[in-house]
Amino acid sequence: GQIVFNFGLLYVGFAVSLVLVAIWLGLWFAERLSKPVGRLAGAAQRVGAGDLDVQVPEEQGDDEIAMVGRFFNQMTRQLKGQREALLANNRQIEERRRLFDSVLSSVTSGVIGLDADARVAFLNPSARDILVLPEGEGQGMALAEAVPEFVPLFERMNATGRETIQGEVKLTRGRAMENLLVRLASRRGADGSREGVVIAFDDVTDLVSAQRMAAWGDVARRIAHEIKNPLTPIQLSAEQ
C-alpha cells in the first residue's frame, strides 16, 4: 500500500507539473501571437486617424505574423507616398486655378466655357458686364438660356465640324443694341475627345460705328467731288 501511495503521489506530482508546464507554454505562445497582433491593431487605429508615419516592429521569420507586419509597413509607406502625390497634385491644380482665374479676371474680352452638354461652366467678369448678367446667374445654365444669340454660331460650328469659328453677333440688352465679335474654339481632352467649347467675344459696337462713319464720310466726299466737277466749267464761263 505504501508503494502504491508513493507511486500515486509521484504520478499526481508529475501530472501537475506537466499541466503547469503546458499552461506556461500556452501563455507564452499566446503572448507571442497576441503581442504583434496588438501592435498591428494599435497601428491600424493610428492609420485610421490619419497618421501614415506609423511602423510596426517586423518579426524575424517567414510565419504569417511576420509577413503581416512587413506587409503592413509596406502598405503604410505606399499610402504615405500616394497621399503626398495627391497633395502635390492638389497644390498644382489650385495654383493653376488661381492663375486661370486671375488671367480671366484681367482680360477685357468676355470668356465663356461650355461643358460637353453645352452648359455654361464658367464666365469671367467681362462676360457678365458685356452680357449684363447679374452675379451668380448663367452658371450651369444651357447656352440657349444664358445667351441665345450665340446658339446659331454654335450650331453652325457643330454642323460643319470645324474646330474654330468666328462671326459677328448682334446683341440687344434693354434698348441698346451691341455688335459682338464672337469666336468659338473646341476644347479637347487628353484622349482627343471633345470636352467642351470656349467662347471669346468683344464688344465692337464703337468700331462698327467708326467704320460706318468713315464709309459715309468717304461717300460724302465723292458726292461733293461729283457735284463740284460740273460746276467748275460753269463758274469759269460765268467769270469769262
C-alpha atoms as a PDB file:
ATOM      1  CA  GLY A   1       0.000   0.000   0.000  1.00  0.00           C
ATOM      2  CA  GLN A   2       2.826   2.378   0.804  1.00  0.00           C
ATOM      3  CA  ILE A   3       4.425   1.708  -2.558  1.00  0.00           C
ATOM      4  CA  VAL A   4       1.130   2.315  -4.363  1.00  0.00           C
ATOM      5  CA  PHE A   5       0.598   5.548  -2.408  1.00  0.00           C
ATOM      6  CA  ASN A   6       4.101   6.765  -3.218  1.00  0.00           C
ATOM      7  CA  PHE A   7       3.622   5.853  -6.851  1.00  0.00           C
ATOM      8  CA  GLY A   8       0.259   7.666  -6.924  1.00  0.00           C
ATOM      9  CA  LEU A   9       1.744  10.718  -5.260  1.00  0.00           C
ATOM     10  CA  LEU A  10       4.596  10.724  -7.772  1.00  0.00           C
ATOM     11  CA  TYR A  11       2.131  10.392 -10.633  1.00  0.00           C
ATOM     12  CA  VAL A  12      -0.002  13.267  -9.329  1.00  0.00           C
ATOM     13  CA  GLY A  13       3.065  15.473  -8.921  1.00  0.00           C
ATOM     14  CA  PHE A  14       4.264  14.637 -12.386  1.00  0.00           C
ATOM     15  CA  ALA A  15       0.813  15.298 -13.838  1.00  0.00           C
ATOM     16  CA  VAL A  16       0.514  18.652 -12.025  1.00  0.00           C
ATOM     17  CA  SER A  17       3.990  19.646 -13.204  1.00  0.00           C
ATOM     18  CA  LEU A  18       3.098  18.669 -16.771  1.00  0.00           C
ATOM     19  CA  VAL A  19      -0.119  20.696 -16.614  1.00  0.00           C
ATOM     20  CA  LEU A  20       1.723  23.739 -15.237  1.00  0.00           C
ATOM     21  CA  VAL A  21       4.371  23.473 -17.960  1.00  0.00           C
ATOM     22  CA  ALA A  22       1.618  23.178 -20.585  1.00  0.00           C
ATOM     23  CA  ILE A  23      -0.145  26.242 -19.188  1.00  0.00           C
ATOM     24  CA  TRP A  24       3.091  28.214 -19.175  1.00  0.00           C
ATOM     25  CA  LEU A  25       3.867  27.185 -22.745  1.00  0.00           C
ATOM     26  CA  GLY A  26       0.314  28.110 -23.807  1.00  0.00           C
ATOM     27  CA  LEU A  27       0.602  31.545 -22.204  1.00  0.00           C
ATOM     28  CA  TRP A  28       3.996  32.063 -23.818  1.00  0.00           C
ATOM     29  CA  PHE A  29       2.675  31.151 -27.263  1.00  0.00           C
ATOM     30  CA  ALA A  30      -0.452  33.257 -26.727  1.00  0.00           C
ATOM     31  CA  GLU A  31       1.630  36.266 -25.738  1.00  0.00           C
ATOM     32  CA  ARG A  32       3.935  35.696 -28.704  1.00  0.00           C
ATOM     33  CA  LEU A  33       0.930  35.674 -31.019  1.00  0.00           C
ATOM     34  CA  SER A  34      -1.165  38.378 -29.381  1.00  0.00           C
ATOM     35  CA  LYS A  35       1.593  40.959 -28.897  1.00  0.00           C
ATOM     36  CA  PRO A  36       2.273  41.503 -32.642  1.00  0.00           C
ATOM     37  CA  VAL A  37      -1.467  41.427 -33.319  1.00  0.00           C
ATOM     38  CA  GLY A  38      -1.983  44.044 -30.620  1.00  0.00           C
ATOM     39  CA  ARG A  39       0.714  46.235 -32.139  1.00  0.00           C
ATOM     40  CA  LEU A  40      -0.931  45.846 -35.545  1.00  0.00           C
ATOM     41  CA  ALA A  41      -4.332  46.778 -34.102  1.00  0.00           C
ATOM     42  CA  GLY A  42      -2.899  49.916 -32.465  1.00  0.00           C
ATOM     43  CA  ALA A  43      -1.022  50.861 -35.624  1.00  0.00           C
ATOM     44  CA  ALA A  44      -4.154  50.324 -37.728  1.00  0.00           C
ATOM     45  CA  GLN A  45      -6.066  52.626 -35.401  1.00  0.00           C
ATOM     46  CA  ARG A  46      -3.440  55.344 -35.825  1.00  0.00           C
ATOM     47  CA  VAL A  47      -3.536  54.898 -39.605  1.00  0.00           C
ATOM     48  CA  GLY A  48      -7.298  55.299 -39.471  1.00  0.00           C
ATOM     49  CA  ALA A  49      -6.767  58.564 -37.611  1.00  0.00           C
ATOM     50  CA  GLY A  50      -4.537  59.830 -40.425  1.00  0.00           C
ATOM     51  CA  ASP A  51      -1.048  59.043 -39.097  1.00  0.00           C
ATOM     52  CA  LEU A  52       0.726  57.326 -42.006  1.00  0.00           C
ATOM     53  CA  ASP A  53       4.180  57.538 -40.431  1.00  0.00           C
ATOM     54  CA  VAL A  54       3.473  54.649 -38.074  1.00  0.00           C
ATOM     55  CA  GLN A  55       5.566  51.480 -38.459  1.00  0.00           C
ATOM     56  CA  VAL A  56       5.401  48.240 -36.508  1.00  0.00           C
ATOM     57  CA  PRO A  57       8.481  46.199 -35.497  1.00  0.00           C
ATOM     58  CA  GLU A  58       8.994  43.472 -38.058  1.00  0.00           C
ATOM     59  CA  GLU A  59       9.299  39.978 -36.615  1.00  0.00           C
ATOM     60  CA  GLN A  60      12.031  37.672 -37.867  1.00  0.00           C
ATOM     61  CA  GLY A  61      10.994  34.612 -39.787  1.00  0.00           C
ATOM     62  CA  ASP A  62       8.573  33.680 -42.540  1.00  0.00           C
ATOM     63  CA  ASP A  63       5.485  32.939 -40.467  1.00  0.00           C
ATOM     64  CA  GLU A  64       2.156  34.687 -41.033  1.00  0.00           C
ATOM     65  CA  ILE A  65       2.607  37.213 -38.212  1.00  0.00           C
ATOM     66  CA  ALA A  66       5.987  38.377 -39.533  1.00  0.00           C
ATOM     67  CA  MET A  67       4.614  38.610 -43.088  1.00  0.00           C
ATOM     68  CA  VAL A  68       1.602  40.627 -41.915  1.00  0.00           C
ATOM     69  CA  GLY A  69       3.908  43.097 -40.151  1.00  0.00           C
ATOM     70  CA  ARG A  70       6.074  43.550 -43.238  1.00  0.00           C
ATOM     71  CA  PHE A  71       3.048  43.961 -45.496  1.00  0.00           C
ATOM     72  CA  PHE A  72       1.545  46.474 -43.077  1.00  0.00           C
ATOM     73  CA  ASN A  73       4.693  48.615 -43.120  1.00  0.00           C
ATOM     74  CA  GLN A  74       4.817  48.399 -46.923  1.00  0.00           C
ATOM     75  CA  MET A  75       1.162  49.448 -47.118  1.00  0.00           C
ATOM     76  CA  THR A  76       1.664  52.494 -44.890  1.00  0.00           C
ATOM     77  CA  ARG A  77       4.694  53.590 -46.945  1.00  0.00           C
ATOM     78  CA  GLN A  78       2.688  53.304 -50.163  1.00  0.00           C
ATOM     79  CA  LEU A  79      -0.248  55.178 -48.665  1.00  0.00           C
ATOM     80  CA  LYS A  80       2.045  57.947 -47.474  1.00  0.00           C
ATOM     81  CA  GLY A  81       3.615  58.280 -50.917  1.00  0.00           C
ATOM     82  CA  GLN A  82       0.219  58.342 -52.614  1.00  0.00           C
ATOM     83  CA  ARG A  83      -1.083  60.958 -50.175  1.00  0.00           C
ATOM     84  CA  GLU A  84       1.953  63.177 -50.768  1.00  0.00           C
ATOM     85  CA  ALA A  85       1.468  62.814 -54.542  1.00  0.00           C
ATOM     86  CA  LEU A  86      -2.213  63.718 -54.229  1.00  0.00           C
ATOM     87  CA  LEU A  87      -1.403  66.738 -52.074  1.00  0.00           C
ATOM     88  CA  ALA A  88       1.208  67.888 -54.589  1.00  0.00           C
ATOM     89  CA  ASN A  89      -1.284  67.481 -57.450  1.00  0.00           C
ATOM     90  CA  ASN A  90      -3.922  69.381 -55.499  1.00  0.00           C
ATOM     91  CA  ARG A  91      -1.470  72.219 -54.877  1.00  0.00           C
ATOM     92  CA  GLN A  92      -0.619  72.365 -58.576  1.00  0.00           C
ATOM     93  CA  ILE A  93      -4.300  72.330 -59.532  1.00  0.00           C
ATOM     94  CA  GLU A  94      -5.056  75.084 -57.037  1.00  0.00           C
ATOM     95  CA  GLU A  95      -2.164  77.202 -58.326  1.00  0.00           C
ATOM     96  CA  ARG A  96      -3.320  76.715 -61.915  1.00  0.00           C
ATOM     97  CA  ARG A  97      -6.896  77.551 -60.944  1.00  0.00           C
ATOM     98  CA  ARG A  98      -5.792  80.782 -59.266  1.00  0.00           C
ATOM     99  CA  LEU A  99      -3.670  81.678 -62.304  1.00  0.00           C
ATOM    100  CA  PHE A 100      -6.587  80.831 -64.597  1.00  0.00           C
ATOM    101  CA  ASP A 101      -8.973  82.966 -62.541  1.00  0.00           C
ATOM    102  CA  SER A 102      -6.541  85.894 -62.412  1.00  0.00           C
ATOM    103  CA  VAL A 103      -5.985  85.778 -66.178  1.00  0.00           C
ATOM    104  CA  LEU A 104      -9.707  85.581 -66.942  1.00  0.00           C
ATOM    105  CA  SER A 105     -10.425  88.386 -64.494  1.00  0.00           C
ATOM    106  CA  SER A 106      -7.815  90.677 -66.049  1.00  0.00           C
ATOM    107  CA  VAL A 107      -8.756  90.325 -69.729  1.00  0.00           C
ATOM    108  CA  THR A 108     -11.247  92.771 -71.214  1.00  0.00           C
ATOM    109  CA  SER A 109     -12.737  90.202 -73.567  1.00  0.00           C
ATOM    110  CA  GLY A 110     -15.673  88.118 -72.437  1.00  0.00           C
ATOM    111  CA  VAL A 111     -14.927  84.418 -71.997  1.00  0.00           C
ATOM    112  CA  ILE A 112     -17.496  81.651 -71.525  1.00  0.00           C
ATOM    113  CA  GLY A 113     -16.621  77.990 -71.049  1.00  0.00           C
ATOM    114  CA  LEU A 114     -19.107  75.306 -72.059  1.00  0.00           C
ATOM    115  CA  ASP A 115     -19.015  71.682 -70.987  1.00  0.00           C
ATOM    116  CA  ALA A 116     -19.766  68.684 -73.187  1.00  0.00           C
ATOM    117  CA  ASP A 117     -23.527  69.250 -72.722  1.00  0.00           C
ATOM    118  CA  ALA A 118     -23.302  72.881 -73.895  1.00  0.00           C
ATOM    119  CA  ARG A 119     -23.876  74.202 -70.397  1.00  0.00           C
ATOM    120  CA  VAL A 120     -22.046  77.213 -69.020  1.00  0.00           C
ATOM    121  CA  ALA A 121     -19.154  76.023 -66.835  1.00  0.00           C
ATOM    122  CA  PHE A 122     -17.572  79.419 -66.117  1.00  0.00           C
ATOM    123  CA  LEU A 123     -17.833  83.088 -67.016  1.00  0.00           C
ATOM    124  CA  ASN A 124     -15.328  85.832 -66.427  1.00  0.00           C
ATOM    125  CA  PRO A 125     -16.351  89.287 -65.093  1.00  0.00           C
ATOM    126  CA  SER A 126     -16.015  90.906 -68.529  1.00  0.00           C
ATOM    127  CA  ALA A 127     -18.523  88.425 -69.953  1.00  0.00           C
ATOM    128  CA  ARG A 128     -21.029  89.335 -67.241  1.00  0.00           C
ATOM    129  CA  ASP A 129     -20.517  93.045 -67.920  1.00  0.00           C
ATOM    130  CA  ILE A 130     -20.952  92.718 -71.685  1.00  0.00           C
ATOM    131  CA  LEU A 131     -23.941  90.381 -71.441  1.00  0.00           C
ATOM    132  CA  VAL A 132     -25.440  92.300 -68.482  1.00  0.00           C
ATOM    133  CA  LEU A 133     -25.702  89.151 -66.352  1.00  0.00           C
ATOM    134  CA  PRO A 134     -26.094  89.521 -62.568  1.00  0.00           C
ATOM    135  CA  GLU A 135     -23.609  87.823 -60.272  1.00  0.00           C
ATOM    136  CA  GLY A 136     -24.434  84.133 -59.880  1.00  0.00           C
ATOM    137  CA  GLU A 137     -26.681  83.988 -62.943  1.00  0.00           C
ATOM    138  CA  GLY A 138     -25.716  81.956 -66.002  1.00  0.00           C
ATOM    139  CA  GLN A 139     -23.551  79.393 -64.206  1.00  0.00           C
ATOM    140  CA  GLY A 140     -24.795  75.897 -65.017  1.00  0.00           C
ATOM    141  CA  MET A 141     -27.381  77.151 -67.495  1.00  0.00           C
ATOM    142  CA  ALA A 142     -27.661  75.926 -71.071  1.00  0.00           C
ATOM    143  CA  LEU A 143     -26.233  78.213 -73.742  1.00  0.00           C
ATOM    144  CA  ALA A 144     -29.714  78.634 -75.251  1.00  0.00           C
ATOM    145  CA  GLU A 145     -30.930  80.012 -71.909  1.00  0.00           C
ATOM    146  CA  ALA A 146     -27.913  82.116 -70.957  1.00  0.00           C
ATOM    147  CA  VAL A 147     -27.032  83.673 -74.338  1.00  0.00           C
ATOM    148  CA  PRO A 148     -29.465  82.546 -77.076  1.00  0.00           C
ATOM    149  CA  GLU A 149     -27.807  84.874 -79.595  1.00  0.00           C
ATOM    150  CA  PHE A 150     -24.718  82.615 -79.645  1.00  0.00           C
ATOM    151  CA  VAL A 151     -26.696  79.454 -80.475  1.00  0.00           C
ATOM    152  CA  PRO A 152     -26.738  79.860 -84.309  1.00  0.00           C
ATOM    153  CA  LEU A 153     -22.971  80.240 -84.422  1.00  0.00           C
ATOM    154  CA  PHE A 154     -22.572  77.256 -82.071  1.00  0.00           C
ATOM    155  CA  GLU A 155     -24.867  75.105 -84.232  1.00  0.00           C
ATOM    156  CA  ARG A 156     -23.002  76.142 -87.375  1.00  0.00           C
ATOM    157  CA  MET A 157     -19.751  75.040 -85.751  1.00  0.00           C
ATOM    158  CA  ASN A 158     -21.249  71.626 -84.897  1.00  0.00           C
ATOM    159  CA  ALA A 159     -22.742  71.234 -88.366  1.00  0.00           C
ATOM    160  CA  THR A 160     -19.502  71.994 -90.183  1.00  0.00           C
ATOM    161  CA  GLY A 161     -17.305  70.054 -87.746  1.00  0.00           C
ATOM    162  CA  ARG A 162     -14.797  72.881 -87.536  1.00  0.00           C
ATOM    163  CA  GLU A 163     -12.537  73.349 -84.529  1.00  0.00           C
ATOM    164  CA  THR A 164     -12.888  77.144 -84.567  1.00  0.00           C
ATOM    165  CA  ILE A 165     -15.428  79.532 -85.980  1.00  0.00           C
ATOM    166  CA  GLN A 166     -15.835  83.285 -85.870  1.00  0.00           C
ATOM    167  CA  GLY A 167     -18.693  85.636 -86.607  1.00  0.00           C
ATOM    168  CA  GLU A 168     -20.415  88.869 -85.703  1.00  0.00           C
ATOM    169  CA  VAL A 169     -23.471  88.689 -83.454  1.00  0.00           C
ATOM    170  CA  LYS A 170     -25.941  91.433 -82.699  1.00  0.00           C
ATOM    171  CA  LEU A 171     -26.965  91.539 -79.062  1.00  0.00           C
ATOM    172  CA  THR A 172     -29.856  93.521 -77.648  1.00  0.00           C
ATOM    173  CA  ARG A 173     -29.952  94.251 -73.949  1.00  0.00           C
ATOM    174  CA  GLY A 174     -32.611  96.686 -72.825  1.00  0.00           C
ATOM    175  CA  ARG A 175     -32.898  99.363 -75.503  1.00  0.00           C
ATOM    176  CA  ALA A 176     -29.284  99.207 -76.643  1.00  0.00           C
ATOM    177  CA  MET A 177     -28.057  97.019 -79.465  1.00  0.00           C
ATOM    178  CA  GLU A 178     -24.430  95.915 -79.428  1.00  0.00           C
ATOM    179  CA  ASN A 179     -22.240  94.267 -82.034  1.00  0.00           C
ATOM    180  CA  LEU A 180     -20.087  91.440 -80.712  1.00  0.00           C
ATOM    181  CA  LEU A 181     -17.208  89.735 -82.465  1.00  0.00           C
ATOM    182  CA  VAL A 182     -17.544  86.121 -81.285  1.00  0.00           C
ATOM    183  CA  ARG A 183     -15.014  83.305 -81.674  1.00  0.00           C
ATOM    184  CA  LEU A 184     -15.693  79.682 -80.694  1.00  0.00           C
ATOM    185  CA  ALA A 185     -12.981  77.037 -80.206  1.00  0.00           C
ATOM    186  CA  SER A 186     -13.308  73.380 -79.253  1.00  0.00           C
ATOM    187  CA  ARG A 187     -11.705  72.156 -76.041  1.00  0.00           C
ATOM    188  CA  ARG A 188     -10.185  68.684 -76.345  1.00  0.00           C
ATOM    189  CA  GLY A 189      -9.166  66.251 -73.625  1.00  0.00           C
ATOM    190  CA  ALA A 190      -6.018  64.143 -73.373  1.00  0.00           C
ATOM    191  CA  ASP A 191      -7.673  61.344 -75.367  1.00  0.00           C
ATOM    192  CA  GLY A 192      -8.764  63.714 -78.119  1.00  0.00           C
ATOM    193  CA  SER A 193     -12.428  63.705 -77.209  1.00  0.00           C
ATOM    194  CA  ARG A 194     -14.326  66.972 -77.139  1.00  0.00           C
ATOM    195  CA  GLU A 195     -14.818  68.176 -73.579  1.00  0.00           C
ATOM    196  CA  GLY A 196     -16.486  71.469 -74.369  1.00  0.00           C
ATOM    197  CA  VAL A 197     -16.225  74.796 -76.152  1.00  0.00           C
ATOM    198  CA  VAL A 198     -14.602  78.104 -75.209  1.00  0.00           C
ATOM    199  CA  ILE A 199     -16.367  81.257 -76.396  1.00  0.00           C
ATOM    200  CA  ALA A 200     -14.443  84.537 -76.524  1.00  0.00           C
ATOM    201  CA  PHE A 201     -16.133  87.752 -77.607  1.00  0.00           C
ATOM    202  CA  ASP A 202     -15.520  91.515 -77.730  1.00  0.00           C
ATOM    203  CA  ASP A 203     -17.834  94.477 -77.962  1.00  0.00           C
ATOM    204  CA  VAL A 204     -17.055  96.074 -81.350  1.00  0.00           C
ATOM    205  CA  THR A 205     -20.024  98.458 -81.401  1.00  0.00           C
ATOM    206  CA  ASP A 206     -17.808 101.563 -81.350  1.00  0.00           C
ATOM    207  CA  LEU A 207     -15.552 100.079 -84.029  1.00  0.00           C
ATOM    208  CA  VAL A 208     -18.509  99.333 -86.299  1.00  0.00           C
ATOM    209  CA  SER A 209     -19.859 102.842 -85.741  1.00  0.00           C
ATOM    210  CA  ALA A 210     -16.467 104.345 -86.584  1.00  0.00           C
ATOM    211  CA  GLN A 211     -16.253 102.246 -89.734  1.00  0.00           C
ATOM    212  CA  ARG A 212     -19.717 103.335 -90.784  1.00  0.00           C
ATOM    213  CA  MET A 213     -18.882 106.980 -90.146  1.00  0.00           C
ATOM    214  CA  ALA A 214     -15.691 106.632 -92.168  1.00  0.00           C
ATOM    215  CA  ALA A 215     -17.612 104.981 -95.003  1.00  0.00           C
ATOM    216  CA  TRP A 216     -20.292 107.701 -95.014  1.00  0.00           C
ATOM    217  CA  GLY A 217     -17.560 110.363 -94.925  1.00  0.00           C
ATOM    218  CA  ASP A 218     -15.951 108.811 -97.990  1.00  0.00           C
ATOM    219  CA  VAL A 219     -19.339 108.729 -99.737  1.00  0.00           C
ATOM    220  CA  ALA A 220     -19.915 112.390 -98.865  1.00  0.00           C
ATOM    221  CA  ARG A 221     -16.511 113.346-100.285  1.00  0.00           C
ATOM    222  CA  ARG A 222     -17.225 111.514-103.505  1.00  0.00           C
ATOM    223  CA  ILE A 223     -20.656 113.152-103.836  1.00  0.00           C
ATOM    224  CA  ALA A 224     -19.118 116.574-103.210  1.00  0.00           C
ATOM    225  CA  HIS A 225     -16.479 115.835-105.839  1.00  0.00           C
ATOM    226  CA  GLU A 226     -19.101 114.787-108.375  1.00  0.00           C
ATOM    227  CA  ILE A 227     -21.135 117.913-107.658  1.00  0.00           C
ATOM    228  CA  LYS A 228     -18.090 120.167-107.856  1.00  0.00           C
ATOM    229  CA  ASN A 229     -16.852 118.866-111.211  1.00  0.00           C
ATOM    230  CA  PRO A 230     -19.920 120.030-113.290  1.00  0.00           C
ATOM    231  CA  LEU A 231     -19.960 123.396-111.528  1.00  0.00           C
ATOM    232  CA  THR A 232     -16.328 124.219-112.341  1.00  0.00           C
ATOM    233  CA  PRO A 233     -16.782 124.902-116.119  1.00  0.00           C
ATOM    234  CA  ILE A 234     -19.998 126.817-115.425  1.00  0.00           C
ATOM    235  CA  GLN A 235     -18.127 129.049-112.959  1.00  0.00           C
ATOM    236  CA  LEU A 236     -15.298 129.644-115.458  1.00  0.00           C
ATOM    237  CA  SER A 237     -17.786 130.573-118.195  1.00  0.00           C
ATOM    238  CA  ALA A 238     -19.577 132.955-115.880  1.00  0.00           C
ATOM    239  CA  GLU A 239     -16.293 134.632-114.907  1.00  0.00           C
ATOM    240  CA  GLN A 240     -15.277 134.910-118.540  1.00  0.00           C
END
